[in-house]
N, C-alpha and C. Protein backbone atom coordinates (compact mmCIF):
# COMPACT_ATOMS: atom_id res chain seq x y z
N MET A 1 55.58 159.82 126.71
CA MET A 1 54.90 158.70 127.27
C MET A 1 55.84 157.91 128.17
N ILE A 2 57.06 157.66 127.74
CA ILE A 2 57.99 156.90 128.58
C ILE A 2 58.26 157.65 129.88
N ARG A 3 58.35 158.96 129.80
CA ARG A 3 58.57 159.76 131.01
C ARG A 3 57.42 159.58 132.00
N ALA A 4 56.18 159.58 131.50
CA ALA A 4 55.01 159.39 132.37
C ALA A 4 55.01 158.00 132.99
N VAL A 5 55.34 156.99 132.21
CA VAL A 5 55.40 155.62 132.74
C VAL A 5 56.47 155.53 133.81
N ARG A 6 57.63 156.08 133.55
CA ARG A 6 58.71 156.04 134.54
C ARG A 6 58.32 156.77 135.82
N ALA A 7 57.62 157.90 135.69
CA ALA A 7 57.19 158.65 136.87
C ALA A 7 56.23 157.81 137.73
N VAL A 8 55.27 157.18 137.09
CA VAL A 8 54.32 156.34 137.82
C VAL A 8 55.03 155.15 138.46
N LEU A 9 55.93 154.53 137.72
CA LEU A 9 56.62 153.35 138.24
C LEU A 9 57.63 153.69 139.34
N SER A 10 57.89 154.96 139.58
CA SER A 10 58.76 155.34 140.69
C SER A 10 57.99 155.36 142.00
N GLU A 11 56.66 155.27 141.94
CA GLU A 11 55.80 155.33 143.11
C GLU A 11 55.43 153.91 143.57
N GLU A 12 55.14 153.79 144.85
CA GLU A 12 54.57 152.54 145.35
C GLU A 12 53.06 152.63 145.21
N PRO A 13 52.38 151.55 144.97
CA PRO A 13 52.84 150.17 145.00
C PRO A 13 53.44 149.68 143.69
N TYR A 14 53.52 150.55 142.71
CA TYR A 14 53.96 150.13 141.37
C TYR A 14 55.44 149.76 141.32
N HIS A 15 56.26 150.55 142.00
CA HIS A 15 57.71 150.38 141.92
C HIS A 15 58.15 148.96 142.27
N SER A 16 57.57 148.40 143.30
CA SER A 16 57.98 147.06 143.74
C SER A 16 57.23 145.94 143.04
N ARG A 17 56.27 146.28 142.18
CA ARG A 17 55.43 145.24 141.56
C ARG A 17 55.59 145.12 140.05
N PHE A 18 56.13 146.16 139.40
CA PHE A 18 56.21 146.17 137.94
C PHE A 18 57.62 146.49 137.48
N THR A 19 57.95 146.02 136.29
CA THR A 19 59.19 146.41 135.63
C THR A 19 58.84 147.02 134.28
N LEU A 20 59.70 147.87 133.80
CA LEU A 20 59.49 148.53 132.51
C LEU A 20 60.51 147.99 131.51
N ASP A 21 60.01 147.52 130.40
CA ASP A 21 60.86 147.14 129.28
C ASP A 21 60.52 148.06 128.12
N VAL A 22 61.49 148.80 127.65
CA VAL A 22 61.31 149.64 126.47
C VAL A 22 61.91 148.86 125.30
N LEU A 23 61.05 148.53 124.35
CA LEU A 23 61.50 147.71 123.22
C LEU A 23 61.87 148.60 122.04
N GLY A 24 63.05 148.43 121.54
CA GLY A 24 63.49 149.19 120.38
C GLY A 24 62.66 148.84 119.15
N TRP A 25 62.41 149.83 118.35
CA TRP A 25 61.58 149.70 117.15
C TRP A 25 62.08 148.60 116.23
N GLU A 26 63.38 148.51 116.05
CA GLU A 26 63.96 147.57 115.09
C GLU A 26 64.47 146.28 115.73
N THR A 27 64.20 146.06 117.00
CA THR A 27 64.62 144.81 117.63
C THR A 27 63.61 143.72 117.32
N GLU A 28 64.00 142.48 117.51
CA GLU A 28 63.07 141.37 117.28
C GLU A 28 61.84 141.49 118.18
N LYS A 29 62.06 141.79 119.47
CA LYS A 29 60.94 141.94 120.40
C LYS A 29 60.07 143.14 120.02
N GLY A 30 60.70 144.22 119.59
CA GLY A 30 59.96 145.40 119.18
C GLY A 30 59.09 145.15 117.96
N ARG A 31 59.64 144.47 116.97
CA ARG A 31 58.85 144.15 115.76
C ARG A 31 57.69 143.23 116.11
N HIS A 32 57.93 142.28 117.01
CA HIS A 32 56.85 141.38 117.44
C HIS A 32 55.74 142.18 118.13
N ALA A 33 56.12 143.08 119.04
CA ALA A 33 55.14 143.88 119.78
C ALA A 33 54.30 144.75 118.85
N GLN A 34 54.89 145.25 117.77
CA GLN A 34 54.18 146.12 116.84
C GLN A 34 52.95 145.45 116.25
N THR A 35 52.98 144.14 116.11
CA THR A 35 51.85 143.43 115.53
C THR A 35 51.08 142.58 116.54
N ALA A 36 51.70 142.24 117.66
CA ALA A 36 51.07 141.34 118.63
C ALA A 36 50.08 142.06 119.55
N TYR A 37 50.23 143.37 119.74
CA TYR A 37 49.39 144.08 120.69
C TYR A 37 48.47 145.06 119.97
N CYS A 38 47.69 145.81 120.72
CA CYS A 38 46.61 146.65 120.18
C CYS A 38 47.10 147.96 119.57
N PHE A 39 48.34 148.02 119.15
CA PHE A 39 48.93 149.30 118.76
C PHE A 39 48.36 149.87 117.45
N GLY A 40 47.75 149.05 116.64
CA GLY A 40 47.12 149.53 115.41
C GLY A 40 48.12 150.12 114.44
N ARG A 41 47.64 151.11 113.65
CA ARG A 41 48.47 151.74 112.61
C ARG A 41 49.71 152.40 113.18
N GLU A 42 49.62 152.89 114.42
CA GLU A 42 50.76 153.59 115.02
C GLU A 42 51.90 152.64 115.36
N ARG A 43 51.57 151.38 115.58
CA ARG A 43 52.53 150.31 115.87
C ARG A 43 53.42 150.60 117.07
N HIS A 44 52.90 151.38 118.03
CA HIS A 44 53.62 151.58 119.29
C HIS A 44 52.62 151.99 120.35
N GLY A 45 53.04 151.87 121.60
CA GLY A 45 52.16 152.23 122.70
C GLY A 45 52.63 151.63 124.00
N PHE A 46 51.67 151.35 124.87
CA PHE A 46 51.92 150.88 126.23
C PHE A 46 51.09 149.63 126.46
N VAL A 47 51.73 148.57 126.87
CA VAL A 47 51.01 147.33 127.17
C VAL A 47 51.45 146.84 128.55
N VAL A 48 50.49 146.35 129.32
CA VAL A 48 50.76 145.75 130.62
C VAL A 48 50.48 144.26 130.48
N LEU A 49 51.49 143.48 130.81
CA LEU A 49 51.37 142.03 130.70
C LEU A 49 51.19 141.42 132.08
N SER A 50 50.42 140.33 132.13
CA SER A 50 50.29 139.58 133.37
C SER A 50 51.59 138.84 133.65
N ALA A 51 51.68 138.24 134.81
CA ALA A 51 52.86 137.46 135.15
C ALA A 51 53.08 136.32 134.16
N GLU A 52 51.99 135.87 133.55
CA GLU A 52 52.07 134.79 132.56
C GLU A 52 52.41 135.29 131.17
N GLY A 53 52.44 136.61 130.97
CA GLY A 53 52.80 137.19 129.68
C GLY A 53 51.62 137.56 128.79
N ALA A 54 50.40 137.43 129.31
CA ALA A 54 49.21 137.80 128.53
C ALA A 54 48.92 139.29 128.71
N PRO A 55 48.51 139.98 127.64
CA PRO A 55 48.18 141.40 127.76
C PRO A 55 46.95 141.61 128.65
N VAL A 56 47.06 142.53 129.60
CA VAL A 56 45.97 142.86 130.51
C VAL A 56 45.42 144.25 130.17
N ALA A 57 46.29 145.14 129.72
CA ALA A 57 45.91 146.48 129.31
C ALA A 57 46.80 146.90 128.15
N CYS A 58 46.24 147.66 127.23
CA CYS A 58 47.02 148.10 126.08
C CYS A 58 46.50 149.44 125.58
N ARG A 59 47.42 150.35 125.29
CA ARG A 59 47.07 151.67 124.74
C ARG A 59 47.98 151.95 123.55
N ALA A 60 47.39 152.36 122.48
CA ALA A 60 48.16 152.70 121.28
C ALA A 60 48.65 154.14 121.38
N GLY A 61 49.78 154.40 120.74
CA GLY A 61 50.29 155.76 120.60
C GLY A 61 50.74 156.39 121.89
N HIS A 62 50.47 157.73 122.00
CA HIS A 62 50.94 158.51 123.15
C HIS A 62 49.83 159.36 123.76
N ASP A 63 48.58 159.11 123.41
CA ASP A 63 47.48 159.97 123.83
C ASP A 63 46.92 159.54 125.19
N TYR A 64 47.78 159.52 126.21
CA TYR A 64 47.38 159.18 127.57
C TYR A 64 48.46 159.68 128.50
N GLY A 65 48.15 159.72 129.77
CA GLY A 65 49.11 160.24 130.74
C GLY A 65 49.15 159.40 131.99
N GLU A 66 49.64 160.01 133.07
CA GLU A 66 49.85 159.27 134.30
C GLU A 66 48.56 158.69 134.87
N ALA A 67 47.45 159.39 134.76
CA ALA A 67 46.18 158.89 135.31
C ALA A 67 45.77 157.58 134.61
N GLU A 68 45.89 157.54 133.30
CA GLU A 68 45.52 156.33 132.55
C GLU A 68 46.49 155.19 132.84
N ILE A 69 47.76 155.52 132.98
CA ILE A 69 48.77 154.49 133.28
C ILE A 69 48.49 153.89 134.66
N ARG A 70 48.20 154.75 135.64
CA ARG A 70 47.85 154.25 136.98
C ARG A 70 46.61 153.36 136.91
N ALA A 71 45.61 153.76 136.15
CA ALA A 71 44.38 152.97 136.04
C ALA A 71 44.69 151.58 135.46
N ASP A 72 45.54 151.52 134.46
CA ASP A 72 45.91 150.23 133.86
C ASP A 72 46.66 149.36 134.87
N LEU A 73 47.61 149.94 135.59
CA LEU A 73 48.38 149.18 136.57
C LEU A 73 47.50 148.76 137.74
N ASP A 74 46.60 149.64 138.17
CA ASP A 74 45.69 149.28 139.27
C ASP A 74 44.78 148.12 138.87
N ARG A 75 44.36 148.09 137.62
CA ARG A 75 43.53 146.98 137.13
C ARG A 75 44.28 145.65 137.29
N VAL A 76 45.56 145.66 137.02
CA VAL A 76 46.37 144.45 137.16
C VAL A 76 46.49 144.07 138.64
N LEU A 77 46.70 145.06 139.50
CA LEU A 77 46.86 144.79 140.93
C LEU A 77 45.58 144.25 141.56
N ARG A 78 44.43 144.60 141.02
CA ARG A 78 43.16 144.11 141.55
C ARG A 78 42.86 142.67 141.16
N ARG A 79 43.58 142.13 140.19
CA ARG A 79 43.31 140.77 139.69
C ARG A 79 43.67 139.73 140.72
């Protein structure tokens, strides 16, 4: 999943508009994300935050690819 996100974020218009933060499982931010977002039982996934820090898109686990990631990022760009 991280590889797919990185591949999409290497393309424009995403590269100049988004940053990727990978949160470690045992870090304070990682533990917060496990319960704060839609990750469910898997407690991991992909979340896109607005400039204000509110979740705009969220996917649990790893069952998605570049097409879904682009769709989530495009939704943010259309706002």
